[in-house]
Amino acid sequence: MRSTAEYVEGLSPWPQDGFGLDRILALLDELGNPQRAYPSVHVVGTNGKGTTTRTVEETLAREGLLPAGYYSPHVTG
């Protein structure tokens, strides 16, 4: 007899394989890894992306770099 947890896990529509980064890394390799052409910071998440991007941008600017952030306009106002 299966446990409740095993039953719930068995309901998942997602395949056991195929959700790693192998396929996208192979594609990027075929394209010559264009993501490595310039240094960047990729900010992701649910909350605080705009503020984090602005903070990173200001920190890099204070170090003499010329950063550019892409975020919602209200963050700079």
N, C-alpha and C. Protein backbone atom coordinates (compact mmCIF):
# COMPACT_ATOMS: atom_id res chain seq x y z
N MET A 1 0.83 -1.18 0.00
CA MET A 1 0.00 0.00 0.00
C MET A 1 0.89 1.25 0.00
N ARG A 2 0.53 2.22 -0.86
CA ARG A 2 1.31 3.45 -0.96
C ARG A 2 0.91 4.43 0.13
N SER A 3 1.91 5.21 0.58
CA SER A 3 1.61 6.25 1.56
C SER A 3 0.92 7.42 0.87
N THR A 4 0.36 8.29 1.67
CA THR A 4 -0.31 9.49 1.12
C THR A 4 0.68 10.34 0.34
N ALA A 5 1.89 10.48 0.87
CA ALA A 5 2.92 11.27 0.19
C ALA A 5 3.27 10.67 -1.16
N GLU A 6 3.40 9.36 -1.23
CA GLU A 6 3.69 8.70 -2.50
C GLU A 6 2.56 8.89 -3.49
N TYR A 7 1.32 8.84 -3.00
CA TYR A 7 0.17 9.06 -3.86
C TYR A 7 0.18 10.47 -4.45
N VAL A 8 0.43 11.49 -3.60
CA VAL A 8 0.44 12.88 -4.05
C VAL A 8 1.59 13.09 -5.04
N GLU A 9 2.76 12.55 -4.74
CA GLU A 9 3.90 12.67 -5.66
C GLU A 9 3.58 12.04 -7.01
N GLY A 10 2.80 10.99 -7.02
CA GLY A 10 2.43 10.31 -8.24
C GLY A 10 1.46 11.11 -9.10
N LEU A 11 0.84 12.14 -8.56
CA LEU A 11 -0.10 12.97 -9.30
C LEU A 11 0.58 14.04 -10.15
N SER A 12 1.86 14.27 -9.95
CA SER A 12 2.57 15.33 -10.66
C SER A 12 2.55 15.11 -12.16
N PRO A 13 2.17 16.15 -12.93
CA PRO A 13 2.18 16.02 -14.39
C PRO A 13 3.57 16.24 -14.99
N TRP A 14 4.54 16.60 -14.16
CA TRP A 14 5.87 16.92 -14.66
C TRP A 14 6.72 15.67 -14.80
N PRO A 15 7.49 15.58 -15.86
CA PRO A 15 8.37 14.42 -16.03
C PRO A 15 9.50 14.44 -15.00
N GLN A 16 10.02 13.27 -14.72
CA GLN A 16 11.12 13.18 -13.75
C GLN A 16 12.40 13.81 -14.29
N ASP A 17 12.59 13.76 -15.60
CA ASP A 17 13.79 14.31 -16.22
C ASP A 17 13.41 15.49 -17.09
N GLY A 18 14.39 16.25 -17.52
CA GLY A 18 14.15 17.29 -18.50
C GLY A 18 14.03 18.70 -17.94
N PHE A 19 14.18 18.88 -16.63
CA PHE A 19 14.05 20.22 -16.09
C PHE A 19 15.39 20.79 -15.63
N GLY A 20 16.47 20.19 -16.03
CA GLY A 20 17.79 20.72 -15.69
C GLY A 20 18.19 21.79 -16.69
N LEU A 21 19.41 22.24 -16.58
CA LEU A 21 19.93 23.27 -17.47
C LEU A 21 20.69 22.71 -18.66
N ASP A 22 20.75 21.40 -18.78
CA ASP A 22 21.55 20.78 -19.83
C ASP A 22 21.17 21.27 -21.23
N ARG A 23 19.88 21.32 -21.52
CA ARG A 23 19.44 21.71 -22.87
C ARG A 23 19.76 23.16 -23.17
N ILE A 24 19.51 24.07 -22.23
CA ILE A 24 19.78 25.48 -22.48
C ILE A 24 21.28 25.74 -22.54
N LEU A 25 22.06 25.04 -21.73
CA LEU A 25 23.52 25.19 -21.79
C LEU A 25 24.07 24.69 -23.12
N ALA A 26 23.50 23.62 -23.65
CA ALA A 26 23.91 23.11 -24.96
C ALA A 26 23.56 24.12 -26.05
N LEU A 27 22.38 24.72 -25.96
CA LEU A 27 21.99 25.74 -26.93
C LEU A 27 22.91 26.95 -26.87
N LEU A 28 23.19 27.43 -25.67
CA LEU A 28 24.08 28.58 -25.53
C LEU A 28 25.48 28.27 -26.06
N ASP A 29 25.93 27.04 -25.85
CA ASP A 29 27.22 26.62 -26.38
C ASP A 29 27.23 26.64 -27.90
N GLU A 30 26.14 26.16 -28.52
CA GLU A 30 26.00 26.17 -29.98
C GLU A 30 26.00 27.60 -30.52
N LEU A 31 25.46 28.53 -29.75
CA LEU A 31 25.39 29.94 -30.16
C LEU A 31 26.67 30.71 -29.85
N GLY A 32 27.66 30.03 -29.29
CA GLY A 32 28.91 30.69 -28.96
C GLY A 32 28.89 31.40 -27.62
N ASN A 33 27.97 31.03 -26.75
CA ASN A 33 27.83 31.62 -25.42
C ASN A 33 27.77 33.14 -25.44
N PRO A 34 26.75 33.70 -26.11
CA PRO A 34 26.65 35.16 -26.21
C PRO A 34 26.48 35.85 -24.86
N GLN A 35 26.02 35.13 -23.84
CA GLN A 35 25.83 35.72 -22.53
C GLN A 35 27.16 36.12 -21.89
N ARG A 36 28.26 35.62 -22.42
CA ARG A 36 29.57 35.96 -21.86
C ARG A 36 30.22 37.15 -22.56
N ALA A 37 29.52 37.76 -23.50
CA ALA A 37 30.07 38.86 -24.28
C ALA A 37 30.25 40.14 -23.46
N TYR A 38 29.51 40.27 -22.39
CA TYR A 38 29.63 41.45 -21.54
C TYR A 38 29.28 41.08 -20.10
N PRO A 39 29.91 41.76 -19.14
CA PRO A 39 29.60 41.47 -17.74
C PRO A 39 28.20 41.96 -17.39
N SER A 40 27.49 41.19 -16.61
CA SER A 40 26.12 41.58 -16.26
C SER A 40 25.72 41.00 -14.91
N VAL A 41 24.67 41.60 -14.36
CA VAL A 41 24.04 41.11 -13.14
C VAL A 41 22.58 40.88 -13.50
N HIS A 42 22.09 39.67 -13.29
CA HIS A 42 20.70 39.34 -13.60
C HIS A 42 19.96 39.21 -12.28
N VAL A 43 19.04 40.12 -12.01
CA VAL A 43 18.29 40.14 -10.76
C VAL A 43 16.92 39.51 -11.01
N VAL A 44 16.59 38.48 -10.24
CA VAL A 44 15.30 37.80 -10.39
C VAL A 44 14.66 37.63 -9.02
N GLY A 45 13.37 37.37 -9.01
CA GLY A 45 12.67 37.14 -7.77
C GLY A 45 11.28 37.73 -7.83
N THR A 46 10.58 37.66 -6.72
CA THR A 46 9.21 38.15 -6.67
C THR A 46 9.14 39.62 -6.27
N ASN A 47 9.85 39.98 -5.24
CA ASN A 47 9.79 41.35 -4.73
C ASN A 47 11.20 41.95 -4.64
N GLY A 48 11.28 43.26 -4.83
CA GLY A 48 12.53 43.97 -4.60
C GLY A 48 13.49 44.01 -5.77
N LYS A 49 13.08 43.57 -6.94
CA LYS A 49 14.00 43.57 -8.09
C LYS A 49 14.42 44.97 -8.48
N GLY A 50 13.48 45.89 -8.51
CA GLY A 50 13.80 47.26 -8.91
C GLY A 50 14.75 47.92 -7.94
N THR A 51 14.48 47.77 -6.66
CA THR A 51 15.35 48.37 -5.65
C THR A 51 16.73 47.73 -5.67
N THR A 52 16.78 46.42 -5.83
CA THR A 52 18.07 45.74 -5.89
C THR A 52 18.86 46.18 -7.11
N THR A 53 18.18 46.28 -8.25
CA THR A 53 18.85 46.72 -9.48
C THR A 53 19.40 48.13 -9.30
N ARG A 54 18.62 49.00 -8.73
CA ARG A 54 19.06 50.38 -8.50
C ARG A 54 20.25 50.42 -7.55
N THR A 55 20.24 49.61 -6.50
CA THR A 55 21.35 49.56 -5.54
C THR A 55 22.63 49.06 -6.20
N VAL A 56 22.51 48.01 -7.01
CA VAL A 56 23.68 47.47 -7.73
C VAL A 56 24.22 48.53 -8.69
N GLU A 57 23.32 49.20 -9.40
CA GLU A 57 23.72 50.24 -10.34
C GLU A 57 24.48 51.37 -9.63
N GLU A 58 23.97 51.83 -8.52
CA GLU A 58 24.63 52.90 -7.76
C GLU A 58 25.98 52.45 -7.21
N THR A 59 26.04 51.22 -6.72
CA THR A 59 27.30 50.69 -6.18
C THR A 59 28.36 50.62 -7.26
N LEU A 60 28.01 50.11 -8.43
CA LEU A 60 28.97 50.02 -9.53
C LEU A 60 29.38 51.40 -10.02
N ALA A 61 28.46 52.34 -10.04
CA ALA A 61 28.79 53.71 -10.47
C ALA A 61 29.79 54.35 -9.51
N ARG A 62 29.64 54.10 -8.23
CA ARG A 62 30.56 54.66 -7.23
C ARG A 62 31.96 54.06 -7.36
N GLU A 63 32.05 52.91 -7.99
CA GLU A 63 33.34 52.27 -8.24
C GLU A 63 33.96 52.74 -9.56
N GLY A 64 33.31 53.69 -10.22
CA GLY A 64 33.84 54.25 -11.46
C GLY A 64 33.38 53.56 -12.73
N LEU A 65 32.48 52.61 -12.61
CA LEU A 65 31.97 51.93 -13.80
C LEU A 65 30.79 52.70 -14.36
N LEU A 66 30.36 52.34 -15.55
CA LEU A 66 29.22 52.98 -16.20
C LEU A 66 28.09 51.96 -16.36
N PRO A 67 27.40 51.65 -15.28
CA PRO A 67 26.34 50.63 -15.34
C PRO A 67 25.07 51.17 -15.98
N ALA A 68 24.24 50.27 -16.44
CA ALA A 68 22.93 50.62 -16.97
C ALA A 68 21.94 49.61 -16.43
N GLY A 69 20.89 50.09 -15.80
CA GLY A 69 19.86 49.21 -15.27
C GLY A 69 18.61 49.30 -16.09
N TYR A 70 17.88 48.21 -16.15
CA TYR A 70 16.59 48.18 -16.83
C TYR A 70 15.55 47.79 -15.78
N TYR A 71 14.73 48.75 -15.39
CA TYR A 71 13.76 48.54 -14.33
C TYR A 71 12.61 49.51 -14.49
N SER A 72 11.60 49.37 -13.64
CA SER A 72 10.42 50.22 -13.72
C SER A 72 10.80 51.69 -13.49
N PRO A 73 10.26 52.60 -14.28
CA PRO A 73 10.62 54.02 -14.17
C PRO A 73 10.38 54.64 -12.79
N HIS A 74 9.38 54.18 -12.05
CA HIS A 74 9.08 54.82 -10.78
C HIS A 74 10.18 54.65 -9.75
N VAL A 75 11.09 53.70 -9.95
CA VAL A 75 12.16 53.46 -8.97
C VAL A 75 13.14 54.63 -8.95
N THR A 76 13.31 55.30 -10.07
CA THR A 76 14.28 56.40 -10.12
C THR A 76 13.67 57.72 -9.70
N GLY A 77 12.34 57.80 -9.64
CA GLY A 77 11.68 59.06 -9.33
C GLY A 77 11.57 59.37 -7.87
